[in-house]
Amino acid sequence: MAGVILADGSRLTGVSHAQPTAPQLTLSSAPLELAGNWGGSPPGDAAAVISRMRQVSLMGVRLVSDQQPERLRVDEHTSGPPAIWLHEDPPKTAWVIVDIGALDWCKLAYQFGHELGHVLSNSWGPLAKPAAPSQWLEEALVEAFSIRGLALLADSWEQHPPFPGDAGFAKSIRQYRADLIENYRAAAPPGPDIAACFRTHCRDFTQGKGDPMVLAVVGEMERNPLCVEDLGGLNRWPARSAVPVAEYLPLWQKSCAELGASAHLPAWLRTTLEPG
């Protein structure tokens, strides 16, 4: 994993590795920095979980965006929701906020995975403010990205646990993921025709995280892993999510084409939602 640095500039013993030799840092290789109050969660152990979640979530994913961070900071807060902290200084740092209990590695992986999806989707710079009417779709996409990542984390943890003798914790990760899926299944459209549900129950999609779409996107990401790279094409136009979905998806396809990404995911969503 990449070197891990505390906010005061000190390094965590036992988790620092050689810096990447690639000429340009990417989201997968950017040095990881921990900040905030980690309470009963040793920062070195938290760093191991975060690094593994980043590794498995981005493994095999081409990072096509031209907006790569040079550092990734994960800041533990004692209250408040997980989020991306939009800031101007330091300018090349993607700043993730999490809020977990002591040693709650499942929650840490899940929250970090969701926010990592936002960073992958170019939503970490100072101008990346969420905006209606299409922010719900990005939320659904990154939530799916995190749920996909939990499955990969469980497999990796079972085969190569980050802590000695801890392979059995993979079962807890799988159960945490199963509980998330069950909650989203309850919010899924009543039937297979998502487009019809979108037309008649649009408010159910656009309020909050786009819950009815999450499991459908998880399934598509797992059937077509190549489409995960398309998240790197999101939000590269000035209006970002402040356009209707019927405009947002073509803009996303165009952005993918500019970057040489597959554009499978926005094309699939246009077919699935039929937004007009």
C-alpha atoms as a PDB file:
ATOM      1  CA  MET A   1       0.000   0.000   0.000  1.00  0.00           C
ATOM      2  CA  ALA A   2       1.043   3.608  -0.386  1.00  0.00           C
ATOM      3  CA  GLY A   3       2.830   5.369   2.445  1.00  0.00           C
ATOM      4  CA  VAL A   4       0.585   6.517   5.304  1.00  0.00           C
ATOM      5  CA  ILE A   5       1.221   9.857   6.979  1.00  0.00           C
ATOM      6  CA  LEU A   6      -0.478  11.421   9.970  1.00  0.00           C
ATOM      7  CA  ALA A   7      -1.674  15.003   9.734  1.00  0.00           C
ATOM      8  CA  ASP A   8       1.212  16.164  11.928  1.00  0.00           C
ATOM      9  CA  GLY A   9       3.687  14.872   9.358  1.00  0.00           C
ATOM     10  CA  SER A  10       4.753  11.742  11.243  1.00  0.00           C
ATOM     11  CA  ARG A  11       4.658   8.340   9.594  1.00  0.00           C
ATOM     12  CA  LEU A  12       2.920   5.258  10.919  1.00  0.00           C
ATOM     13  CA  THR A  13       5.443   2.618  11.921  1.00  0.00           C
ATOM     14  CA  GLY A  14       5.057  -0.567   9.954  1.00  0.00           C
ATOM     15  CA  VAL A  15       2.801   0.755   7.221  1.00  0.00           C
ATOM     16  CA  SER A  16       5.110   2.981   5.166  1.00  0.00           C
ATOM     17  CA  HIS A  17       6.231   1.567   1.849  1.00  0.00           C
ATOM     18  CA  ALA A  18       8.283   2.918  -1.001  1.00  0.00           C
ATOM     19  CA  GLN A  19       6.605   5.698  -2.934  1.00  0.00           C
ATOM     20  CA  PRO A  20       5.372   4.876  -6.443  1.00  0.00           C
ATOM     21  CA  THR A  21       7.908   5.440  -9.183  1.00  0.00           C
ATOM     22  CA  ALA A  22       5.280   6.329 -11.771  1.00  0.00           C
ATOM     23  CA  PRO A  23       5.710   9.891 -13.101  1.00  0.00           C
ATOM     24  CA  GLN A  24       2.157  10.863 -12.158  1.00  0.00           C
ATOM     25  CA  LEU A  25       0.276   9.989  -8.992  1.00  0.00           C
ATOM     26  CA  THR A  26      -3.217   8.585  -9.356  1.00  0.00           C
ATOM     27  CA  LEU A  27      -6.075   7.866  -6.999  1.00  0.00           C
ATOM     28  CA  SER A  28      -4.711   4.366  -6.459  1.00  0.00           C
ATOM     29  CA  SER A  29      -1.128   5.447  -5.750  1.00  0.00           C
ATOM     30  CA  ALA A  30      -1.566   8.826  -4.023  1.00  0.00           C
ATOM     31  CA  PRO A  31      -0.077   8.793  -0.503  1.00  0.00           C
ATOM     32  CA  LEU A  32      -2.639   8.186   2.220  1.00  0.00           C
ATOM     33  CA  GLU A  33      -2.852  10.603   5.155  1.00  0.00           C
ATOM     34  CA  LEU A  34      -4.862  10.071   8.343  1.00  0.00           C
ATOM     35  CA  ALA A  35      -6.207  12.980  10.393  1.00  0.00           C
ATOM     36  CA  GLY A  36      -8.776  13.564  13.112  1.00  0.00           C
ATOM     37  CA  ASN A  37      -9.640  11.724  16.299  1.00  0.00           C
ATOM     38  CA  TRP A  38      -9.545   7.959  15.764  1.00  0.00           C
ATOM     39  CA  GLY A  39     -10.398   7.197  19.396  1.00  0.00           C
ATOM     40  CA  GLY A  40     -10.328   3.461  20.015  1.00  0.00           C
ATOM     41  CA  SER A  41      -9.254   2.648  16.458  1.00  0.00           C
ATOM     42  CA  PRO A  42      -5.455   2.547  16.163  1.00  0.00           C
ATOM     43  CA  PRO A  43      -4.516   4.730  13.168  1.00  0.00           C
ATOM     44  CA  GLY A  44      -2.175   2.063  11.802  1.00  0.00           C
ATOM     45  CA  ASP A  45      -4.967  -0.508  11.770  1.00  0.00           C
ATOM     46  CA  ALA A  46      -7.429   1.975  10.271  1.00  0.00           C
ATOM     47  CA  ALA A  47      -4.865   2.750   7.581  1.00  0.00           C
ATOM     48  CA  ALA A  48      -4.553  -0.956   6.775  1.00  0.00           C
ATOM     49  CA  VAL A  49      -8.338  -1.265   6.271  1.00  0.00           C
ATOM     50  CA  ILE A  50      -8.566   1.913   4.195  1.00  0.00           C
ATOM     51  CA  SER A  51      -5.613   0.914   2.039  1.00  0.00           C
ATOM     52  CA  ARG A  52      -7.028  -2.550   1.410  1.00  0.00           C
ATOM     53  CA  MET A  53     -10.458  -1.138   0.496  1.00  0.00           C
ATOM     54  CA  ARG A  54      -8.847   1.290  -1.932  1.00  0.00           C
ATOM     55  CA  GLN A  55      -6.726  -1.480  -3.420  1.00  0.00           C
ATOM     56  CA  VAL A  56      -9.546  -3.940  -4.072  1.00  0.00           C
ATOM     57  CA  SER A  57     -12.025  -1.268  -5.217  1.00  0.00           C
ATOM     58  CA  LEU A  58      -9.629   0.093  -7.845  1.00  0.00           C
ATOM     59  CA  MET A  59      -7.894  -3.148  -8.820  1.00  0.00           C
ATOM     60  CA  GLY A  60      -8.140  -3.596 -12.584  1.00  0.00           C
ATOM     61  CA  VAL A  61      -9.923  -0.239 -12.998  1.00  0.00           C
ATOM     62  CA  ARG A  62      -8.345   2.159 -15.504  1.00  0.00           C
ATOM     63  CA  LEU A  63      -8.137   5.579 -13.893  1.00  0.00           C
ATOM     64  CA  VAL A  64      -9.019   7.659 -16.912  1.00  0.00           C
ATOM     65  CA  SER A  65      -9.821  11.002 -15.269  1.00  0.00           C
ATOM     66  CA  ASP A  66      -7.576  13.981 -15.893  1.00  0.00           C
ATOM     67  CA  GLN A  67      -8.361  15.174 -12.336  1.00  0.00           C
ATOM     68  CA  GLN A  68      -6.245  12.825 -10.211  1.00  0.00           C
ATOM     69  CA  PRO A  69      -5.472  13.793  -6.601  1.00  0.00           C
ATOM     70  CA  GLU A  70      -1.888  13.812  -5.415  1.00  0.00           C
ATOM     71  CA  ARG A  71      -2.768  12.927  -1.829  1.00  0.00           C
ATOM     72  CA  LEU A  72      -5.705  11.221  -0.107  1.00  0.00           C
ATOM     73  CA  ARG A  73      -6.606  12.365   3.419  1.00  0.00           C
ATOM     74  CA  VAL A  74      -9.048  10.404   5.578  1.00  0.00           C
ATOM     75  CA  ASP A  75     -10.301  12.429   8.527  1.00  0.00           C
ATOM     76  CA  GLU A  76     -12.161  10.734  11.390  1.00  0.00           C
ATOM     77  CA  HIS A  77     -14.840  12.907  13.001  1.00  0.00           C
ATOM     78  CA  THR A  78     -16.662  11.995  16.185  1.00  0.00           C
ATOM     79  CA  SER A  79     -20.035  13.091  14.801  1.00  0.00           C
ATOM     80  CA  GLY A  80     -21.730  13.970  11.556  1.00  0.00           C
ATOM     81  CA  PRO A  81     -22.158  12.075   8.304  1.00  0.00           C
ATOM     82  CA  PRO A  82     -19.352  10.848   6.050  1.00  0.00           C
ATOM     83  CA  ALA A  83     -18.566  13.342   3.313  1.00  0.00           C
ATOM     84  CA  ILE A  84     -16.035  14.859   0.963  1.00  0.00           C
ATOM     85  CA  TRP A  85     -14.565  18.049   2.403  1.00  0.00           C
ATOM     86  CA  LEU A  86     -14.445  20.593  -0.412  1.00  0.00           C
ATOM     87  CA  HIS A  87     -11.457  22.844   0.138  1.00  0.00           C
ATOM     88  CA  GLU A  88      -8.841  24.922  -1.653  1.00  0.00           C
ATOM     89  CA  ASP A  89      -5.788  24.164   0.496  1.00  0.00           C
ATOM     90  CA  PRO A  90      -4.047  21.804   0.053  1.00  0.00           C
ATOM     91  CA  PRO A  91      -5.269  22.004  -3.551  1.00  0.00           C
ATOM     92  CA  LYS A  92      -4.345  18.515  -4.787  1.00  0.00           C
ATOM     93  CA  THR A  93      -5.601  16.590  -1.747  1.00  0.00           C
ATOM     94  CA  ALA A  94      -8.852  14.621  -1.851  1.00  0.00           C
ATOM     95  CA  TRP A  95     -10.230  14.929   1.682  1.00  0.00           C
ATOM     96  CA  VAL A  96     -12.578  12.206   2.961  1.00  0.00           C
ATOM     97  CA  ILE A  97     -14.474  12.452   6.272  1.00  0.00           C
ATOM     98  CA  VAL A  98     -15.667   9.318   8.075  1.00  0.00           C
ATOM     99  CA  ASP A  99     -17.430   8.734  11.389  1.00  0.00           C
ATOM    100  CA  ILE A 100     -16.996   5.270  12.914  1.00  0.00           C
ATOM    101  CA  GLY A 101     -16.952   3.561  16.282  1.00  0.00           C
ATOM    102  CA  ALA A 102     -13.907   1.859  17.770  1.00  0.00           C
ATOM    103  CA  LEU A 103     -12.601  -0.923  15.507  1.00  0.00           C
ATOM    104  CA  ASP A 104     -15.719  -0.771  13.324  1.00  0.00           C
ATOM    105  CA  TRP A 105     -13.871  -1.899  10.205  1.00  0.00           C
ATOM    106  CA  CYS A 106     -17.014  -2.785   8.231  1.00  0.00           C
ATOM    107  CA  LYS A 107     -18.433   0.697   8.665  1.00  0.00           C
ATOM    108  CA  LEU A 108     -15.067   2.268   7.887  1.00  0.00           C
ATOM    109  CA  ALA A 109     -14.699   0.285   4.665  1.00  0.00           C
ATOM    110  CA  TYR A 110     -18.271   1.067   3.616  1.00  0.00           C
ATOM    111  CA  GLN A 111     -18.082   4.810   4.345  1.00  0.00           C
ATOM    112  CA  PHE A 112     -14.654   5.172   2.818  1.00  0.00           C
ATOM    113  CA  GLY A 113     -15.720   3.155  -0.246  1.00  0.00           C
ATOM    114  CA  HIS A 114     -18.651   5.492  -0.868  1.00  0.00           C
ATOM    115  CA  GLU A 115     -16.511   8.622  -0.566  1.00  0.00           C
ATOM    116  CA  LEU A 116     -13.753   7.024  -2.667  1.00  0.00           C
ATOM    117  CA  GLY A 117     -16.417   6.655  -5.351  1.00  0.00           C
ATOM    118  CA  HIS A 118     -17.026  10.399  -5.205  1.00  0.00           C
ATOM    119  CA  VAL A 119     -13.302  11.046  -5.617  1.00  0.00           C
ATOM    120  CA  LEU A 120     -13.215   8.629  -8.564  1.00  0.00           C
ATOM    121  CA  SER A 121     -16.167  10.591  -9.984  1.00  0.00           C
ATOM    122  CA  ASN A 122     -14.235  13.903  -9.866  1.00  0.00           C
ATOM    123  CA  SER A 123     -16.188  15.227  -6.886  1.00  0.00           C
ATOM    124  CA  TRP A 124     -13.360  16.277  -4.598  1.00  0.00           C
ATOM    125  CA  GLY A 125     -12.153  19.692  -5.787  1.00  0.00           C
ATOM    126  CA  PRO A 126     -13.276  23.064  -4.348  1.00  0.00           C
ATOM    127  CA  LEU A 127     -15.910  23.559  -7.079  1.00  0.00           C
ATOM    128  CA  ALA A 128     -17.431  20.092  -6.791  1.00  0.00           C
ATOM    129  CA  LYS A 129     -20.540  21.157  -4.916  1.00  0.00           C
ATOM    130  CA  PRO A 130     -23.495  18.744  -5.099  1.00  0.00           C
ATOM    131  CA  ALA A 131     -26.395  20.144  -7.094  1.00  0.00           C
ATOM    132  CA  ALA A 132     -29.896  19.149  -8.123  1.00  0.00           C
ATOM    133  CA  PRO A 133     -31.455  17.726 -10.180  1.00  0.00           C
ATOM    134  CA  SER A 134     -29.020  14.862 -10.922  1.00  0.00           C
ATOM    135  CA  GLN A 135     -26.932  14.544  -7.754  1.00  0.00           C
ATOM    136  CA  TRP A 136     -29.092  11.567  -6.759  1.00  0.00           C
ATOM    137  CA  LEU A 137     -27.636   9.579  -9.656  1.00  0.00           C
ATOM    138  CA  GLU A 138     -24.037  10.139  -8.566  1.00  0.00           C
ATOM    139  CA  GLU A 139     -25.037   9.094  -5.049  1.00  0.00           C
ATOM    140  CA  ALA A 140     -26.552   5.875  -6.384  1.00  0.00           C
ATOM    141  CA  LEU A 141     -23.453   5.177  -8.479  1.00  0.00           C
ATOM    142  CA  VAL A 142     -20.958   5.641  -5.662  1.00  0.00           C
ATOM    143  CA  GLU A 143     -23.120   3.693  -3.219  1.00  0.00           C
ATOM    144  CA  ALA A 144     -23.106   0.821  -5.701  1.00  0.00           C
ATOM    145  CA  PHE A 145     -19.344   1.225  -6.062  1.00  0.00           C
ATOM    146  CA  SER A 146     -18.942   0.837  -2.283  1.00  0.00           C
ATOM    147  CA  ILE A 147     -21.212  -2.217  -2.054  1.00  0.00           C
ATOM    148  CA  ARG A 148     -19.284  -3.803  -4.931  1.00  0.00           C
ATOM    149  CA  GLY A 149     -16.053  -3.023  -3.070  1.00  0.00           C
ATOM    150  CA  LEU A 150     -17.243  -4.738   0.113  1.00  0.00           C
ATOM    151  CA  ALA A 151     -17.585  -8.041  -1.749  1.00  0.00           C
ATOM    152  CA  LEU A 152     -14.057  -7.684  -3.085  1.00  0.00           C
ATOM    153  CA  LEU A 153     -12.795  -6.719   0.372  1.00  0.00           C
ATOM    154  CA  ALA A 154     -14.353  -9.803   1.964  1.00  0.00           C
ATOM    155  CA  ASP A 155     -12.660 -12.101  -0.549  1.00  0.00           C
ATOM    156  CA  SER A 156      -9.319 -10.355  -0.123  1.00  0.00           C
ATOM    157  CA  TRP A 157      -9.615 -10.353   3.677  1.00  0.00           C
ATOM    158  CA  GLU A 158     -10.374 -14.071   3.755  1.00  0.00           C
ATOM    159  CA  GLN A 159      -7.431 -14.955   1.521  1.00  0.00           C
ATOM    160  CA  HIS A 160      -4.894 -12.446   2.882  1.00  0.00           C
ATOM    161  CA  PRO A 161      -6.140 -10.857   6.132  1.00  0.00           C
ATOM    162  CA  PRO A 162      -4.514  -7.504   6.943  1.00  0.00           C
ATOM    163  CA  PHE A 163      -4.227  -8.606  10.578  1.00  0.00           C
ATOM    164  CA  PRO A 164      -2.714 -11.966  11.627  1.00  0.00           C
ATOM    165  CA  GLY A 165      -5.227 -14.744  12.178  1.00  0.00           C
ATOM    166  CA  ASP A 166      -8.182 -12.559  11.207  1.00  0.00           C
ATOM    167  CA  ALA A 167      -9.411 -14.329   8.058  1.00  0.00           C
ATOM    168  CA  GLY A 168     -12.723 -15.089   9.778  1.00  0.00           C
ATOM    169  CA  PHE A 169     -13.649 -11.403   9.806  1.00  0.00           C
ATOM    170  CA  ALA A 170     -14.525 -11.778   6.123  1.00  0.00           C
ATOM    171  CA  LYS A 171     -17.806 -13.307   7.299  1.00  0.00           C
ATOM    172  CA  SER A 172     -18.670 -10.075   9.134  1.00  0.00           C
ATOM    173  CA  ILE A 173     -17.944  -8.035   6.021  1.00  0.00           C
ATOM    174  CA  ARG A 174     -20.218 -10.257   3.935  1.00  0.00           C
ATOM    175  CA  GLN A 175     -23.008  -9.971   6.511  1.00  0.00           C
ATOM    176  CA  TYR A 176     -22.647  -6.173   6.620  1.00  0.00           C
ATOM    177  CA  ARG A 177     -22.925  -6.101   2.830  1.00  0.00           C
ATOM    178  CA  ALA A 178     -25.926  -8.455   2.877  1.00  0.00           C
ATOM    179  CA  ASP A 179     -27.711  -6.169   5.351  1.00  0.00           C
ATOM    180  CA  LEU A 180     -27.107  -3.166   3.092  1.00  0.00           C
ATOM    181  CA  ILE A 181     -28.449  -5.076   0.104  1.00  0.00           C
ATOM    182  CA  GLU A 182     -31.541  -6.136   2.018  1.00  0.00           C
ATOM    183  CA  ASN A 183     -32.251  -2.522   2.944  1.00  0.00           C
ATOM    184  CA  TYR A 184     -31.929  -1.435  -0.688  1.00  0.00           C
ATOM    185  CA  ARG A 185     -34.022  -4.341  -1.907  1.00  0.00           C
ATOM    186  CA  ALA A 186     -36.894  -2.950   0.155  1.00  0.00           C
ATOM    187  CA  ALA A 187     -36.545   0.317  -1.792  1.00  0.00           C
ATOM    188  CA  ALA A 188     -36.282  -1.352  -5.203  1.00  0.00           C
ATOM    189  CA  PRO A 189     -38.936  -0.718  -7.878  1.00  0.00           C
ATOM    190  CA  PRO A 190     -41.998  -3.002  -7.774  1.00  0.00           C
ATOM    191  CA  GLY A 191     -41.112  -5.081 -10.831  1.00  0.00           C
ATOM    192  CA  PRO A 192     -38.399  -5.331 -13.446  1.00  0.00           C
ATOM    193  CA  ASP A 193     -39.333  -2.222 -15.466  1.00  0.00           C
ATOM    194  CA  ILE A 194     -37.150   0.446 -13.885  1.00  0.00           C
ATOM    195  CA  ALA A 195     -37.900   2.910 -16.687  1.00  0.00           C
ATOM    196  CA  ALA A 196     -41.634   2.814 -15.980  1.00  0.00           C
ATOM    197  CA  CYS A 197     -40.987   3.191 -12.270  1.00  0.00           C
ATOM    198  CA  PHE A 198     -38.679   6.136 -12.963  1.00  0.00           C
ATOM    199  CA  ARG A 199     -41.377   7.879 -14.987  1.00  0.00           C
ATOM    200  CA  THR A 200     -44.145   7.316 -12.443  1.00  0.00           C
ATOM    201  CA  HIS A 201     -42.172   7.557  -9.213  1.00  0.00           C
ATOM    202  CA  CYS A 202     -39.432   9.997 -10.187  1.00  0.00           C
ATOM    203  CA  ARG A 203     -39.438  11.601  -6.741  1.00  0.00           C
ATOM    204  CA  ASP A 204     -38.485   8.258  -5.164  1.00  0.00           C
ATOM    205  CA  PHE A 205     -35.319   8.315  -7.271  1.00  0.00           C
ATOM    206  CA  THR A 206     -34.349  11.944  -6.973  1.00  0.00           C
ATOM    207  CA  GLN A 207     -34.740  12.364  -3.221  1.00  0.00           C
ATOM    208  CA  GLY A 208     -31.712  11.204  -1.242  1.00  0.00           C
ATOM    209  CA  LYS A 209     -29.409   8.608  -2.760  1.00  0.00           C
ATOM    210  CA  GLY A 210     -31.485   7.298  -5.648  1.00  0.00           C
ATOM    211  CA  ASP A 211     -32.174   4.175  -3.601  1.00  0.00           C
ATOM    212  CA  PRO A 212     -34.225   2.319  -6.236  1.00  0.00           C
ATOM    213  CA  MET A 213     -31.254   2.324  -8.620  1.00  0.00           C
ATOM    214  CA  VAL A 214     -28.484   1.155  -6.285  1.00  0.00           C
ATOM    215  CA  LEU A 215     -28.846  -2.620  -6.620  1.00  0.00           C
ATOM    216  CA  ALA A 216     -29.381  -2.404 -10.371  1.00  0.00           C
ATOM    217  CA  VAL A 217     -26.086  -0.534 -10.689  1.00  0.00           C
ATOM    218  CA  VAL A 218     -24.298  -3.001  -8.384  1.00  0.00           C
ATOM    219  CA  GLY A 219     -25.445  -5.815 -10.646  1.00  0.00           C
ATOM    220  CA  GLU A 220     -24.269  -4.032 -13.782  1.00  0.00           C
ATOM    221  CA  MET A 221     -20.878  -3.229 -12.257  1.00  0.00           C
ATOM    222  CA  GLU A 222     -20.400  -6.850 -11.278  1.00  0.00           C
ATOM    223  CA  ARG A 223     -21.546  -8.176 -14.673  1.00  0.00           C
ATOM    224  CA  ASN A 224     -19.396  -5.685 -16.585  1.00  0.00           C
ATOM    225  CA  PRO A 225     -16.388  -4.691 -14.429  1.00  0.00           C
ATOM    226  CA  LEU A 226     -15.022  -2.597 -17.300  1.00  0.00           C
ATOM    227  CA  CYS A 227     -17.812  -0.065 -16.802  1.00  0.00           C
ATOM    228  CA  VAL A 228     -16.445   0.996 -13.401  1.00  0.00           C
ATOM    229  CA  GLU A 229     -13.822   3.050 -15.225  1.00  0.00           C
ATOM    230  CA  ASP A 230     -16.650   5.210 -16.599  1.00  0.00           C
ATOM    231  CA  LEU A 231     -17.004   6.880 -13.189  1.00  0.00           C
ATOM    232  CA  GLY A 232     -13.792   8.719 -14.073  1.00  0.00           C
ATOM    233  CA  GLY A 233     -15.706  10.530 -16.811  1.00  0.00           C
ATOM    234  CA  LEU A 234     -18.347  11.981 -14.495  1.00  0.00           C
ATOM    235  CA  ASN A 235     -18.744  15.694 -13.811  1.00  0.00           C
ATOM    236  CA  ARG A 236     -16.068  16.982 -16.182  1.00  0.00           C
ATOM    237  CA  TRP A 237     -18.403  19.630 -17.607  1.00  0.00           C
ATOM    238  CA  PRO A 238     -19.063  23.011 -15.934  1.00  0.00           C
ATOM    239  CA  ALA A 239     -22.649  22.348 -14.853  1.00  0.00           C
ATOM    240  CA  ARG A 240     -21.775  18.986 -13.291  1.00  0.00           C
ATOM    241  CA  SER A 241     -24.999  17.531 -11.802  1.00  0.00           C
ATOM    242  CA  ALA A 242     -26.998  20.749 -12.186  1.00  0.00           C
ATOM    243  CA  VAL A 243     -28.657  19.460 -15.362  1.00  0.00           C
ATOM    244  CA  PRO A 244     -31.528  16.980 -15.811  1.00  0.00           C
ATOM    245  CA  VAL A 245     -30.685  13.303 -16.187  1.00  0.00           C
ATOM    246  CA  ALA A 246     -31.706  13.466 -19.864  1.00  0.00           C
ATOM    247  CA  GLU A 247     -28.775  15.886 -20.379  1.00  0.00           C
ATOM    248  CA  TYR A 248     -26.474  14.470 -17.715  1.00  0.00           C
ATOM    249  CA  LEU A 249     -26.132  11.025 -19.311  1.00  0.00           C
ATOM    250  CA  PRO A 250     -25.188  12.260 -22.830  1.00  0.00           C
ATOM    251  CA  LEU A 251     -22.667  14.656 -21.277  1.00  0.00           C
ATOM    252  CA  TRP A 252     -21.213  11.716 -19.373  1.00  0.00           C
ATOM    253  CA  GLN A 253     -20.991   9.622 -22.551  1.00  0.00           C
ATOM    254  CA  LYS A 254     -19.231  12.458 -24.349  1.00  0.00           C
ATOM    255  CA  SER A 255     -16.783  12.841 -21.466  1.00  0.00           C
ATOM    256  CA  CYS A 256     -16.035   9.097 -21.526  1.00  0.00           C
ATOM    257  CA  ALA A 257     -15.329   9.320 -25.248  1.00  0.00           C
ATOM    258  CA  GLU A 258     -12.883  12.179 -24.659  1.00  0.00           C
ATOM    259  CA  LEU A 259     -11.025  10.041 -22.108  1.00  0.00           C
ATOM    260  CA  GLY A 260     -11.170   6.798 -24.060  1.00  0.00           C
ATOM    261  CA  ALA A 261     -13.362   5.124 -21.433  1.00  0.00           C
ATOM    262  CA  SER A 262     -15.884   2.441 -22.311  1.00  0.00           C
ATOM    263  CA  ALA A 263     -19.022   4.628 -21.857  1.00  0.00           C
ATOM    264  CA  HIS A 264     -20.918   1.400 -21.158  1.00  0.00           C
ATOM    265  CA  LEU A 265     -22.387   2.606 -17.865  1.00  0.00           C
ATOM    266  CA  PRO A 266     -23.988   5.861 -19.079  1.00  0.00           C
ATOM    267  CA  ALA A 267     -25.256   4.053 -22.192  1.00  0.00           C
ATOM    268  CA  TRP A 268     -26.773   1.314 -20.033  1.00  0.00           C
ATOM    269  CA  LEU A 269     -28.415   3.906 -17.795  1.00  0.00           C
ATOM    270  CA  ARG A 270     -29.938   5.703 -20.799  1.00  0.00           C
ATOM    271  CA  THR A 271     -31.414   2.390 -21.920  1.00  0.00           C
ATOM    272  CA  THR A 272     -32.518   1.451 -18.417  1.00  0.00           C
ATOM    273  CA  LEU A 273     -34.091   4.756 -17.372  1.00  0.00           C
ATOM    274  CA  GLU A 274     -35.261   6.049 -20.781  1.00  0.00           C
ATOM    275  CA  PRO A 275     -35.071   9.627 -19.431  1.00  0.00           C
ATOM    276  CA  GLY A 276     -35.954  11.188 -22.786  1.00  0.00           C
END
